Each structure stands twice: as C-alpha cells, then as structure tokens.
Amino acid sequence: MQNEIVRRGALHLFPDRHRANWKGHEVSLTLREYAIVERLAEQPGQDLQYRNLYDVVRGTGFSAGIGDEGYQVNVRAFIKRIRRKFRDIDPQFNAIENYPRFGYRWRSGK
C-alpha cells in the first residue's frame, strides 16, 4: 500500500485512498472525478486533450455521446462538476484551465 501524498500547491492528493484536499478541506470527488483531477495534476501546465481525460475514466477507445467527438460533452460535464466541488470550498478556485476545442490543464503553481 502506498502512503505517498501528491502536493500541487493547495491541492493534496492521497492516491492510496483516492481522496483530494484543497486548502486543507476534503473535496468530495467521485472516483472518476478524482481520476481526472489526478491526471491533470500529474503534469501541471501541460495541456491534455479531451480524449486523454475521457480515456482516464472510461478506458481507451470507449465511445459515448453523439458523433466521433461526443465524449467531449462528457468531459466538459465532469470538469463542470469538479470545479463546482472545488468552488464550494474556495469560490476563487481557478486551477483548472480550459484550452478551447482541445482540452484542459492544471495551472502551474496552483
């Protein structure tokens, strides 16, 4: 069992328990939401495509939604819920940035 804590500024991730804290408060994330936050925070400042984030929660190549890029709607919904949960703790939360028509990134230094 791994007891390592991943720290990205105010974000603390506990991979062995799939838990996240923001500014010392637990963020009530589902396992899939946690997986997205963990993936984004692994490489702060790096842009991750919608497909990469979708694959984290559904598996490589899984298809959902309408059309070839229907998964983008699903990723946007995940990010919207994740941001809401962080903003319930910190109304100024802005660590997840959108890269329009590409994906998202975890802000460096956040």
PDB file of N, CA and C in Angstrom:
ATOM      1  N   MET A   1       0.849  -1.189   0.000  1.00  0.00           N
ATOM      2  CA  MET A   1       0.000   0.000   0.000  1.00  0.00           C
ATOM      3  C   MET A   1       0.887   1.242   0.000  1.00  0.00           C
ATOM      4  N   GLN A   2       0.513   2.196  -0.780  1.00  0.00           N
ATOM      5  CA  GLN A   2       1.294   3.407  -0.959  1.00  0.00           C
ATOM      6  C   GLN A   2       0.705   4.527  -0.103  1.00  0.00           C
ATOM      7  N   ASN A   3       1.536   5.191   0.692  1.00  0.00           N
ATOM      8  CA  ASN A   3       1.069   6.276   1.553  1.00  0.00           C
ATOM      9  C   ASN A   3       1.560   7.628   1.062  1.00  0.00           C
ATOM     10  N   GLU A   4       1.972   7.706  -0.168  1.00  0.00           N
ATOM     11  CA  GLU A   4       2.520   8.928  -0.727  1.00  0.00           C
ATOM     12  C   GLU A   4       1.426   9.982  -0.911  1.00  0.00           C
ATOM     13  N   ILE A   5       1.762  11.217  -0.577  1.00  0.00           N
ATOM     14  CA  ILE A   5       0.857  12.342  -0.798  1.00  0.00           C
ATOM     15  C   ILE A   5       1.427  13.151  -1.959  1.00  0.00           C
ATOM     16  N   VAL A   6       0.589  13.459  -2.938  1.00  0.00           N
ATOM     17  CA  VAL A   6       0.990  14.280  -4.072  1.00  0.00           C
ATOM     18  C   VAL A   6       0.549  15.710  -3.766  1.00  0.00           C
ATOM     19  N   ARG A   7       1.504  16.642  -3.812  1.00  0.00           N
ATOM     20  CA  ARG A   7       1.205  18.041  -3.491  1.00  0.00           C
ATOM     21  C   ARG A   7       1.395  18.917  -4.724  1.00  0.00           C
ATOM     22  N   ARG A   8       0.382  19.693  -5.012  1.00  0.00           N
ATOM     23  CA  ARG A   8       0.422  20.676  -6.098  1.00  0.00           C
ATOM     24  C   ARG A   8      -0.146  21.971  -5.535  1.00  0.00           C
ATOM     25  N   GLY A   9       0.692  22.743  -4.871  1.00  0.00           N
ATOM     26  CA  GLY A   9       0.212  23.958  -4.231  1.00  0.00           C
ATOM     27  C   GLY A   9      -0.802  23.617  -3.160  1.00  0.00           C
ATOM     28  N   ALA A  10      -1.997  24.178  -3.264  1.00  0.00           N
ATOM     29  CA  ALA A  10      -3.061  23.966  -2.277  1.00  0.00           C
ATOM     30  C   ALA A  10      -3.744  22.607  -2.421  1.00  0.00           C
ATOM     31  N   LEU A  11      -3.416  21.869  -3.483  1.00  0.00           N
ATOM     32  CA  LEU A  11      -4.012  20.560  -3.720  1.00  0.00           C
ATOM     33  C   LEU A  11      -3.135  19.471  -3.117  1.00  0.00           C
ATOM     34  N   HIS A  12      -3.750  18.609  -2.330  1.00  0.00           N
ATOM     35  CA  HIS A  12      -3.088  17.414  -1.813  1.00  0.00           C
ATOM     36  C   HIS A  12      -3.906  16.206  -2.250  1.00  0.00           C
ATOM     37  N   LEU A  13      -3.243  15.283  -2.927  1.00  0.00           N
ATOM     38  CA  LEU A  13      -3.892  14.060  -3.384  1.00  0.00           C
ATOM     39  C   LEU A  13      -3.372  12.877  -2.575  1.00  0.00           C
ATOM     40  N   PHE A  14      -4.282  11.991  -2.227  1.00  0.00           N
ATOM     41  CA  PHE A  14      -3.963  10.783  -1.480  1.00  0.00           C
ATOM     42  C   PHE A  14      -4.321   9.588  -2.366  1.00  0.00           C
ATOM     43  N   PRO A  15      -3.399   9.183  -3.251  1.00  0.00           N
ATOM     44  CA  PRO A  15      -3.703   8.147  -4.240  1.00  0.00           C
ATOM     45  C   PRO A  15      -4.150   6.816  -3.644  1.00  0.00           C
ATOM     46  N   ASP A  16      -3.618   6.448  -2.488  1.00  0.00           N
ATOM     47  CA  ASP A  16      -3.994   5.169  -1.906  1.00  0.00           C
ATOM     48  C   ASP A  16      -5.441   5.139  -1.442  1.00  0.00           C
ATOM     49  N   ARG A  17      -6.024   6.332  -1.193  1.00  0.00           N
ATOM     50  CA  ARG A  17      -7.421   6.412  -0.742  1.00  0.00           C
ATOM     51  C   ARG A  17      -8.325   7.098  -1.769  1.00  0.00           C
ATOM     52  N   HIS A  18      -7.742   7.579  -2.856  1.00  0.00           N
ATOM     53  CA  HIS A  18      -8.492   8.307  -3.894  1.00  0.00           C
ATOM     54  C   HIS A  18      -9.222   9.504  -3.290  1.00  0.00           C
ATOM     55  N   ARG A  19      -8.503  10.266  -2.498  1.00  0.00           N
ATOM     56  CA  ARG A  19      -9.055  11.455  -1.841  1.00  0.00           C
ATOM     57  C   ARG A  19      -8.248  12.669  -2.249  1.00  0.00           C
ATOM     58  N   ALA A  20      -8.924  13.813  -2.229  1.00  0.00           N
ATOM     59  CA  ALA A  20      -8.275  15.082  -2.553  1.00  0.00           C
ATOM     60  C   ALA A  20      -8.642  16.115  -1.500  1.00  0.00           C
ATOM     61  N   ASN A  21      -7.649  16.930  -1.144  1.00  0.00           N
ATOM     62  CA  ASN A  21      -7.874  18.069  -0.250  1.00  0.00           C
ATOM     63  C   ASN A  21      -7.482  19.333  -0.980  1.00  0.00           C
ATOM     64  N   TRP A  22      -8.243  20.376  -0.764  1.00  0.00           N
ATOM     65  CA  TRP A  22      -7.934  21.690  -1.313  1.00  0.00           C
ATOM     66  C   TRP A  22      -7.919  22.665  -0.140  1.00  0.00           C
ATOM     67  N   LYS A  23      -6.780  23.294   0.058  1.00  0.00           N
ATOM     68  CA  LYS A  23      -6.607  24.248   1.154  1.00  0.00           C
ATOM     69  C   LYS A  23      -7.009  23.639   2.495  1.00  0.00           C
ATOM     70  N   GLY A  24      -6.668  22.361   2.686  1.00  0.00           N
ATOM     71  CA  GLY A  24      -6.917  21.680   3.943  1.00  0.00           C
ATOM     72  C   GLY A  24      -8.308  21.105   4.123  1.00  0.00           C
ATOM     73  N   HIS A  25      -9.158  21.224   3.112  1.00  0.00           N
ATOM     74  CA  HIS A  25     -10.527  20.711   3.186  1.00  0.00           C
ATOM     75  C   HIS A  25     -10.703  19.588   2.176  1.00  0.00           C
ATOM     76  N   GLU A  26     -11.366  18.515   2.608  1.00  0.00           N
ATOM     77  CA  GLU A  26     -11.603  17.406   1.693  1.00  0.00           C
ATOM     78  C   GLU A  26     -12.595  17.812   0.609  1.00  0.00           C
ATOM     79  N   VAL A  27     -12.253  17.449  -0.628  1.00  0.00           N
ATOM     80  CA  VAL A  27     -13.130  17.691  -1.776  1.00  0.00           C
ATOM     81  C   VAL A  27     -13.858  16.382  -2.039  1.00  0.00           C
ATOM     82  N   SER A  28     -15.168  16.420  -2.045  1.00  0.00           N
ATOM     83  CA  SER A  28     -15.986  15.217  -2.181  1.00  0.00           C
ATOM     84  C   SER A  28     -16.090  14.803  -3.651  1.00  0.00           C
ATOM     85  N   LEU A  29     -15.052  14.133  -4.138  1.00  0.00           N
ATOM     86  CA  LEU A  29     -14.999  13.714  -5.536  1.00  0.00           C
ATOM     87  C   LEU A  29     -15.391  12.245  -5.675  1.00  0.00           C
ATOM     88  N   THR A  30     -16.055  11.932  -6.784  1.00  0.00           N
ATOM     89  CA  THR A  30     -16.288  10.529  -7.117  1.00  0.00           C
ATOM     90  C   THR A  30     -14.946   9.941  -7.578  1.00  0.00           C
ATOM     91  N   LEU A  31     -14.886   8.627  -7.724  1.00  0.00           N
ATOM     92  CA  LEU A  31     -13.646   8.008  -8.190  1.00  0.00           C
ATOM     93  C   LEU A  31     -13.249   8.510  -9.579  1.00  0.00           C
ATOM     94  N   ARG A  32     -14.215   8.690 -10.446  1.00  0.00           N
ATOM     95  CA  ARG A  32     -13.914   9.183 -11.800  1.00  0.00           C
ATOM     96  C   ARG A  32     -13.459  10.636 -11.772  1.00  0.00           C
ATOM     97  N   GLU A  33     -14.102  11.450 -10.959  1.00  0.00           N
ATOM     98  CA  GLU A  33     -13.678  12.847 -10.828  1.00  0.00           C
ATOM     99  C   GLU A  33     -12.266  12.912 -10.252  1.00  0.00           C
ATOM    100  N   TYR A  34     -12.005  12.087  -9.244  1.00  0.00           N
ATOM    101  CA  TYR A  34     -10.666  12.038  -8.662  1.00  0.00           C
ATOM    102  C   TYR A  34      -9.639  11.669  -9.731  1.00  0.00           C
ATOM    103  N   ALA A  35      -9.948  10.679 -10.561  1.00  0.00           N
ATOM    104  CA  ALA A  35      -9.023  10.238 -11.601  1.00  0.00           C
ATOM    105  C   ALA A  35      -8.686  11.379 -12.561  1.00  0.00           C
ATOM    106  N   ILE A  36      -9.662  12.200 -12.887  1.00  0.00           N
ATOM    107  CA  ILE A  36      -9.415  13.338 -13.779  1.00  0.00           C
ATOM    108  C   ILE A  36      -8.523  14.362 -13.086  1.00  0.00           C
ATOM    109  N   VAL A  37      -8.822  14.698 -11.847  1.00  0.00           N
ATOM    110  CA  VAL A  37      -8.003  15.674 -11.109  1.00  0.00           C
ATOM    111  C   VAL A  37      -6.576  15.149 -10.985  1.00  0.00           C
ATOM    112  N   GLU A  38      -6.447  13.882 -10.639  1.00  0.00           N
ATOM    113  CA  GLU A  38      -5.111  13.291 -10.501  1.00  0.00           C
ATOM    114  C   GLU A  38      -4.341  13.381 -11.814  1.00  0.00           C
ATOM    115  N   ARG A  39      -4.998  13.063 -12.915  1.00  0.00           N
ATOM    116  CA  ARG A  39      -4.338  13.102 -14.235  1.00  0.00           C
ATOM    117  C   ARG A  39      -3.924  14.523 -14.584  1.00  0.00           C
ATOM    118  N   LEU A  40      -4.795  15.487 -14.353  1.00  0.00           N
ATOM    119  CA  LEU A  40      -4.453  16.882 -14.642  1.00  0.00           C
ATOM    120  C   LEU A  40      -3.280  17.351 -13.779  1.00  0.00           C
ATOM    121  N   ALA A  41      -3.313  16.997 -12.506  1.00  0.00           N
ATOM    122  CA  ALA A  41      -2.295  17.476 -11.561  1.00  0.00           C
ATOM    123  C   ALA A  41      -0.953  16.762 -11.723  1.00  0.00           C
ATOM    124  N   GLU A  42      -0.936  15.627 -12.408  1.00  0.00           N
ATOM    125  CA  GLU A  42       0.329  14.910 -12.630  1.00  0.00           C
ATOM    126  C   GLU A  42       1.340  15.768 -13.359  1.00  0.00           C
ATOM    127  N   GLN A  43       0.860  16.585 -14.291  1.00  0.00           N
ATOM    128  CA  GLN A  43       1.748  17.401 -15.113  1.00  0.00           C
ATOM    129  C   GLN A  43       1.187  18.817 -15.231  1.00  0.00           C
ATOM    130  N   PRO A  44       1.356  19.601 -14.163  1.00  0.00           N
ATOM    131  CA  PRO A  44       0.812  20.970 -14.192  1.00  0.00           C
ATOM    132  C   PRO A  44       1.329  21.755 -15.398  1.00  0.00           C
ATOM    133  N   GLY A  45       0.438  22.521 -15.992  1.00  0.00           N
ATOM    134  CA  GLY A  45       0.801  23.351 -17.138  1.00  0.00           C
ATOM    135  C   GLY A  45       0.742  22.635 -18.471  1.00  0.00           C
ATOM    136  N   GLN A  46       0.597  21.316 -18.451  1.00  0.00           N
ATOM    137  CA  GLN A  46       0.529  20.563 -19.702  1.00  0.00           C
ATOM    138  C   GLN A  46      -0.920  20.446 -20.149  1.00  0.00           C
ATOM    139  N   ASP A  47      -1.150  20.759 -21.414  1.00  0.00           N
ATOM    140  CA  ASP A  47      -2.484  20.647 -21.982  1.00  0.00           C
ATOM    141  C   ASP A  47      -2.813  19.182 -22.258  1.00  0.00           C
ATOM    142  N   LEU A  48      -3.976  18.756 -21.780  1.00  0.00           N
ATOM    143  CA  LEU A  48      -4.436  17.392 -22.010  1.00  0.00           C
ATOM    144  C   LEU A  48      -5.694  17.414 -22.857  1.00  0.00           C
ATOM    145  N   GLN A  49      -5.696  16.632 -23.896  1.00  0.00           N
ATOM    146  CA  GLN A  49      -6.831  16.584 -24.805  1.00  0.00           C
ATOM    147  C   GLN A  49      -8.048  15.969 -24.121  1.00  0.00           C
ATOM    148  N   TYR A  50      -9.216  16.367 -24.611  1.00  0.00           N
ATOM    149  CA  TYR A  50     -10.466  15.789 -24.123  1.00  0.00           C
ATOM    150  C   TYR A  50     -10.383  14.262 -24.126  1.00  0.00           C
ATOM    151  N   ARG A  51      -9.884  13.709 -25.223  1.00  0.00           N
ATOM    152  CA  ARG A  51      -9.831  12.250 -25.352  1.00  0.00           C
ATOM    153  C   ARG A  51      -8.964  11.625 -24.266  1.00  0.00           C
ATOM    154  N   ASN A  52      -7.817  12.241 -23.953  1.00  0.00           N
ATOM    155  CA  ASN A  52      -6.944  11.720 -22.898  1.00  0.00           C
ATOM    156  C   ASN A  52      -7.667  11.679 -21.554  1.00  0.00           C
ATOM    157  N   LEU A  53      -8.409  12.725 -21.253  1.00  0.00           N
ATOM    158  CA  LEU A  53      -9.135  12.778 -19.988  1.00  0.00           C
ATOM    159  C   LEU A  53     -10.284  11.782 -19.978  1.00  0.00           C
ATOM    160  N   TYR A  54     -10.943  11.630 -21.096  1.00  0.00           N
ATOM    161  CA  TYR A  54     -12.045  10.670 -21.178  1.00  0.00           C
ATOM    162  C   TYR A  54     -11.534   9.238 -21.009  1.00  0.00           C
ATOM    163  N   ASP A  55     -10.387   8.955 -21.612  1.00  0.00           N
ATOM    164  CA  ASP A  55      -9.806   7.621 -21.501  1.00  0.00           C
ATOM    165  C   ASP A  55      -9.463   7.267 -20.057  1.00  0.00           C
ATOM    166  N   VAL A  56      -9.134   8.264 -19.242  1.00  0.00           N
ATOM    167  CA  VAL A  56      -8.813   8.031 -17.836  1.00  0.00           C
ATOM    168  C   VAL A  56     -10.002   7.411 -17.106  1.00  0.00           C
ATOM    169  N   VAL A  57     -11.195   7.851 -17.430  1.00  0.00           N
ATOM    170  CA  VAL A  57     -12.371   7.374 -16.696  1.00  0.00           C
ATOM    171  C   VAL A  57     -13.135   6.251 -17.404  1.00  0.00           C
ATOM    172  N   ARG A  58     -13.000   6.130 -18.714  1.00  0.00           N
ATOM    173  CA  ARG A  58     -13.784   5.142 -19.457  1.00  0.00           C
ATOM    174  C   ARG A  58     -12.946   4.069 -20.134  1.00  0.00           C
ATOM    175  N   GLY A  59     -11.665   4.291 -20.232  1.00  0.00           N
ATOM    176  CA  GLY A  59     -10.809   3.328 -20.918  1.00  0.00           C
ATOM    177  C   GLY A  59     -10.564   3.753 -22.350  1.00  0.00           C
ATOM    178  N   THR A  60      -9.420   3.392 -22.859  1.00  0.00           N
ATOM    179  CA  THR A  60      -9.012   3.788 -24.206  1.00  0.00           C
ATOM    180  C   THR A  60      -9.998   3.291 -25.249  1.00  0.00           C
ATOM    181  N   GLY A  61     -10.435   4.225 -26.088  1.00  0.00           N
ATOM    182  CA  GLY A  61     -11.280   3.875 -27.214  1.00  0.00           C
ATOM    183  C   GLY A  61     -12.767   3.765 -26.935  1.00  0.00           C
ATOM    184  N   PHE A  62     -13.172   3.860 -25.663  1.00  0.00           N
ATOM    185  CA  PHE A  62     -14.602   3.786 -25.348  1.00  0.00           C
ATOM    186  C   PHE A  62     -15.313   4.943 -26.032  1.00  0.00           C
ATOM    187  N   SER A  63     -16.491   4.688 -26.571  1.00  0.00           N
ATOM    188  CA  SER A  63     -17.229   5.714 -27.293  1.00  0.00           C
ATOM    189  C   SER A  63     -18.560   5.992 -26.599  1.00  0.00           C
ATOM    190  N   ALA A  64     -18.837   7.262 -26.414  1.00  0.00           N
ATOM    191  CA  ALA A  64     -20.114   7.674 -25.832  1.00  0.00           C
ATOM    192  C   ALA A  64     -20.482   9.032 -26.405  1.00  0.00           C
ATOM    193  N   GLY A  65     -21.735   9.330 -26.388  1.00  0.00           N
ATOM    194  CA  GLY A  65     -22.179  10.593 -26.947  1.00  0.00           C
ATOM    195  C   GLY A  65     -22.483  10.439 -28.422  1.00  0.00           C
ATOM    196  N   ILE A  66     -22.792  11.545 -29.036  1.00  0.00           N
ATOM    197  CA  ILE A  66     -23.185  11.556 -30.440  1.00  0.00           C
ATOM    198  C   ILE A  66     -22.005  11.991 -31.300  1.00  0.00           C
ATOM    199  N   GLY A  67     -21.733  11.253 -32.349  1.00  0.00           N
ATOM    200  CA  GLY A  67     -20.668  11.604 -33.274  1.00  0.00           C
ATOM    201  C   GLY A  67     -19.303  11.145 -32.794  1.00  0.00           C
ATOM    202  N   ASP A  68     -18.303  11.414 -33.625  1.00  0.00           N
ATOM    203  CA  ASP A  68     -16.943  10.980 -33.335  1.00  0.00           C
ATOM    204  C   ASP A  68     -16.344  11.651 -32.102  1.00  0.00           C
ATOM    205  N   GLU A  69     -16.833  12.813 -31.755  1.00  0.00           N
ATOM    206  CA  GLU A  69     -16.261  13.543 -30.629  1.00  0.00           C
ATOM    207  C   GLU A  69     -17.288  13.817 -29.542  1.00  0.00           C
ATOM    208  N   GLY A  70     -18.275  12.948 -29.421  1.00  0.00           N
ATOM    209  CA  GLY A  70     -19.311  13.106 -28.414  1.00  0.00           C
ATOM    210  C   GLY A  70     -18.791  13.043 -26.996  1.00  0.00           C
ATOM    211  N   TYR A  71     -17.649  12.391 -26.803  1.00  0.00           N
ATOM    212  CA  TYR A  71     -17.051  12.288 -25.469  1.00  0.00           C
ATOM    213  C   TYR A  71     -16.678  13.653 -24.888  1.00  0.00           C
ATOM    214  N   GLN A  72     -16.484  14.660 -25.753  1.00  0.00           N
ATOM    215  CA  GLN A  72     -16.118  15.995 -25.267  1.00  0.00           C
ATOM    216  C   GLN A  72     -17.186  16.553 -24.327  1.00  0.00           C
ATOM    217  N   VAL A  73     -18.445  16.298 -24.653  1.00  0.00           N
ATOM    218  CA  VAL A  73     -19.547  16.763 -23.806  1.00  0.00           C
ATOM    219  C   VAL A  73     -19.439  16.115 -22.427  1.00  0.00           C
ATOM    220  N   ASN A  74     -19.098  14.837 -22.401  1.00  0.00           N
ATOM    221  CA  ASN A  74     -18.940  14.133 -21.136  1.00  0.00           C
ATOM    222  C   ASN A  74     -17.798  14.715 -20.317  1.00  0.00           C
ATOM    223  N   VAL A  75     -16.673  15.003 -20.952  1.00  0.00           N
ATOM    224  CA  VAL A  75     -15.530  15.577 -20.231  1.00  0.00           C
ATOM    225  C   VAL A  75     -15.900  16.955 -19.690  1.00  0.00           C
ATOM    226  N   ARG A  76     -16.576  17.767 -20.484  1.00  0.00           N
ATOM    227  CA  ARG A  76     -16.996  19.103 -20.012  1.00  0.00           C
ATOM    228  C   ARG A  76     -17.900  18.989 -18.784  1.00  0.00           C
ATOM    229  N   ALA A  77     -18.790  17.996 -18.793  1.00  0.00           N
ATOM    230  CA  ALA A  77     -19.684  17.796 -17.645  1.00  0.00           C
ATOM    231  C   ALA A  77     -18.887  17.390 -16.406  1.00  0.00           C
ATOM    232  N   PHE A  78     -17.913  16.502 -16.569  1.00  0.00           N
ATOM    233  CA  PHE A  78     -17.055  16.120 -15.445  1.00  0.00           C
ATOM    234  C   PHE A  78     -16.341  17.343 -14.881  1.00  0.00           C
ATOM    235  N   ILE A  79     -15.742  18.136 -15.760  1.00  0.00           N
ATOM    236  CA  ILE A  79     -14.976  19.313 -15.319  1.00  0.00           C
ATOM    237  C   ILE A  79     -15.892  20.312 -14.621  1.00  0.00           C
ATOM    238  N   LYS A  80     -17.087  20.489 -15.138  1.00  0.00           N
ATOM    239  CA  LYS A  80     -18.040  21.412 -14.517  1.00  0.00           C
ATOM    240  C   LYS A  80     -18.352  20.975 -13.080  1.00  0.00           C
ATOM    241  N   ARG A  81     -18.604  19.687 -12.885  1.00  0.00           N
ATOM    242  CA  ARG A  81     -18.888  19.174 -11.534  1.00  0.00           C
ATOM    243  C   ARG A  81     -17.677  19.294 -10.620  1.00  0.00           C
ATOM    244  N   ILE A  82     -16.504  18.983 -11.159  1.00  0.00           N
ATOM    245  CA  ILE A  82     -15.274  19.080 -10.372  1.00  0.00           C
ATOM    246  C   ILE A  82     -15.049  20.526  -9.926  1.00  0.00           C
ATOM    247  N   ARG A  83     -15.150  21.460 -10.848  1.00  0.00           N
ATOM    248  CA  ARG A  83     -14.959  22.877 -10.484  1.00  0.00           C
ATOM    249  C   ARG A  83     -15.954  23.313  -9.421  1.00  0.00           C
ATOM    250  N   ARG A  84     -17.202  22.893  -9.560  1.00  0.00           N
ATOM    251  CA  ARG A  84     -18.231  23.262  -8.589  1.00  0.00           C
ATOM    252  C   ARG A  84     -17.851  22.773  -7.188  1.00  0.00           C
ATOM    253  N   LYS A  85     -17.356  21.559  -7.110  1.00  0.00           N
ATOM    254  CA  LYS A  85     -16.975  20.996  -5.809  1.00  0.00           C
ATOM    255  C   LYS A  85     -15.798  21.749  -5.199  1.00  0.00           C
ATOM    256  N   PHE A  86     -14.822  22.134  -6.014  1.00  0.00           N
ATOM    257  CA  PHE A  86     -13.704  22.920  -5.502  1.00  0.00           C
ATOM    258  C   PHE A  86     -14.171  24.329  -5.106  1.00  0.00           C
ATOM    259  N   ARG A  87     -15.073  24.899  -5.893  1.00  0.00           N
ATOM    260  CA  ARG A  87     -15.565  26.253  -5.591  1.00  0.00           C
ATOM    261  C   ARG A  87     -16.484  26.288  -4.377  1.00  0.00           C
ATOM    262  N   ASP A  88     -17.076  25.153  -4.019  1.00  0.00           N
ATOM    263  CA  ASP A  88     -17.831  25.094  -2.770  1.00  0.00           C
ATOM    264  C   ASP A  88     -16.898  25.345  -1.584  1.00  0.00           C
ATOM    265  N   ILE A  89     -15.638  24.957  -1.729  1.00  0.00           N
ATOM    266  CA  ILE A  89     -14.628  25.170  -0.698  1.00  0.00           C
ATOM    267  C   ILE A  89     -13.960  26.527  -0.868  1.00  0.00           C
ATOM    268  N   ASP A  90     -13.647  26.873  -2.107  1.00  0.00           N
ATOM    269  CA  ASP A  90     -12.901  28.091  -2.425  1.00  0.00           C
ATOM    270  C   ASP A  90     -13.540  28.763  -3.638  1.00  0.00           C
ATOM    271  N   PRO A  91     -14.365  29.787  -3.404  1.00  0.00           N
ATOM    272  CA  PRO A  91     -15.043  30.452  -4.526  1.00  0.00           C
ATOM    273  C   PRO A  91     -14.092  31.026  -5.580  1.00  0.00           C
ATOM    274  N   GLN A  92     -12.830  31.211  -5.232  1.00  0.00           N
ATOM    275  CA  GLN A  92     -11.836  31.761  -6.169  1.00  0.00           C
ATOM    276  C   GLN A  92     -11.055  30.676  -6.920  1.00  0.00           C
ATOM    277  N   PHE A  93     -11.460  29.420  -6.756  1.00  0.00           N
ATOM    278  CA  PHE A  93     -10.748  28.310  -7.397  1.00  0.00           C
ATOM    279  C   PHE A  93     -10.661  28.531  -8.902  1.00  0.00           C
ATOM    280  N   ASN A  94      -9.429  28.443  -9.433  1.00  0.00           N
ATOM    281  CA  ASN A  94      -9.231  28.607 -10.877  1.00  0.00           C
ATOM    282  C   ASN A  94      -8.078  27.754 -11.405  1.00  0.00           C
ATOM    283  N   ALA A  95      -7.791  26.653 -10.715  1.00  0.00           N
ATOM    284  CA  ALA A  95      -6.640  25.833 -11.078  1.00  0.00           C
ATOM    285  C   ALA A  95      -6.845  25.012 -12.344  1.00  0.00           C
ATOM    286  N   ILE A  96      -8.081  24.775 -12.745  1.00  0.00           N
ATOM    287  CA  ILE A  96      -8.340  24.022 -13.976  1.00  0.00           C
ATOM    288  C   ILE A  96      -8.676  25.015 -15.078  1.00  0.00           C
ATOM    289  N   GLU A  97      -7.808  25.055 -16.068  1.00  0.00           N
ATOM    290  CA  GLU A  97      -7.988  25.974 -17.194  1.00  0.00           C
ATOM    291  C   GLU A  97      -8.454  25.212 -18.428  1.00  0.00           C
ATOM    292  N   ASN A  98      -9.270  25.859 -19.214  1.00  0.00           N
ATOM    293  CA  ASN A  98      -9.755  25.292 -20.471  1.00  0.00           C
ATOM    294  C   ASN A  98      -8.850  25.728 -21.602  1.00  0.00           C
ATOM    295  N   TYR A  99      -8.568  24.812 -22.496  1.00  0.00           N
ATOM    296  CA  TYR A  99      -7.899  25.109 -23.749  1.00  0.00           C
ATOM    297  C   TYR A  99      -8.975  24.841 -24.797  1.00  0.00           C
ATOM    298  N   PRO A 100      -9.661  25.905 -25.271  1.00  0.00           N
ATOM    299  CA  PRO A 100     -10.821  25.731 -26.140  1.00  0.00           C
ATOM    300  C   PRO A 100     -10.568  24.781 -27.324  1.00  0.00           C
ATOM    301  N   ARG A 101     -11.531  23.897 -27.523  1.00  0.00           N
ATOM    302  CA  ARG A 101     -11.540  22.909 -28.606  1.00  0.00           C
ATOM    303  C   ARG A 101     -10.377  21.921 -28.531  1.00  0.00           C
ATOM    304  N   PHE A 102      -9.689  21.864 -27.383  1.00  0.00           N
ATOM    305  CA  PHE A 102      -8.580  20.930 -27.219  1.00  0.00           C
ATOM    306  C   PHE A 102      -8.726  20.110 -25.944  1.00  0.00           C
ATOM    307  N   GLY A 103      -8.850  20.809 -24.801  1.00  0.00           N
ATOM    308  CA  GLY A 103      -8.935  20.094 -23.534  1.00  0.00           C
ATOM    309  C   GLY A 103      -8.747  21.012 -22.342  1.00  0.00           C
ATOM    310  N   TYR A 104      -8.000  20.525 -21.345  1.00  0.00           N
ATOM    311  CA  TYR A 104      -7.822  21.241 -20.086  1.00  0.00           C
ATOM    312  C   TYR A 104      -6.398  21.076 -19.588  1.00  0.00           C
ATOM    313  N   ARG A 105      -6.032  21.930 -18.623  1.00  0.00           N
ATOM    314  CA  ARG A 105      -4.747  21.830 -17.960  1.00  0.00           C
ATOM    315  C   ARG A 105      -4.905  22.237 -16.500  1.00  0.00           C
ATOM    316  N   TRP A 106      -4.030  21.703 -15.639  1.00  0.00           N
ATOM    317  CA  TRP A 106      -3.931  22.159 -14.252  1.00  0.00           C
ATOM    318  C   TRP A 106      -2.907  23.277 -14.261  1.00  0.00           C
ATOM    319  N   ARG A 107      -3.290  24.433 -13.787  1.00  0.00           N
ATOM    320  CA  ARG A 107      -2.391  25.585 -13.813  1.00  0.00           C
ATOM    321  C   ARG A 107      -1.112  25.314 -13.036  1.00  0.00           C
ATOM    322  N   SER A 108       0.008  25.666 -13.625  1.00  0.00           N
ATOM    323  CA  SER A 108       1.294  25.554 -12.928  1.00  0.00           C
ATOM    324  C   SER A 108       1.271  26.450 -11.708  1.00  0.00           C
ATOM    325  N   GLY A 109       1.837  25.953 -10.623  1.00  0.00           N
ATOM    326  CA  GLY A 109       1.926  26.746  -9.411  1.00  0.00           C
ATOM    327  C   GLY A 109       0.648  26.775  -8.602  1.00  0.00           C
ATOM    328  N   LYS A 110      -0.403  26.057  -9.033  1.00  0.00           N
ATOM    329  CA  LYS A 110      -1.678  26.050  -8.297  1.00  0.00           C
ATOM    330  C   LYS A 110      -1.873  24.743  -7.604  1.00  0.00           C
TER     331      LYS A 110
END
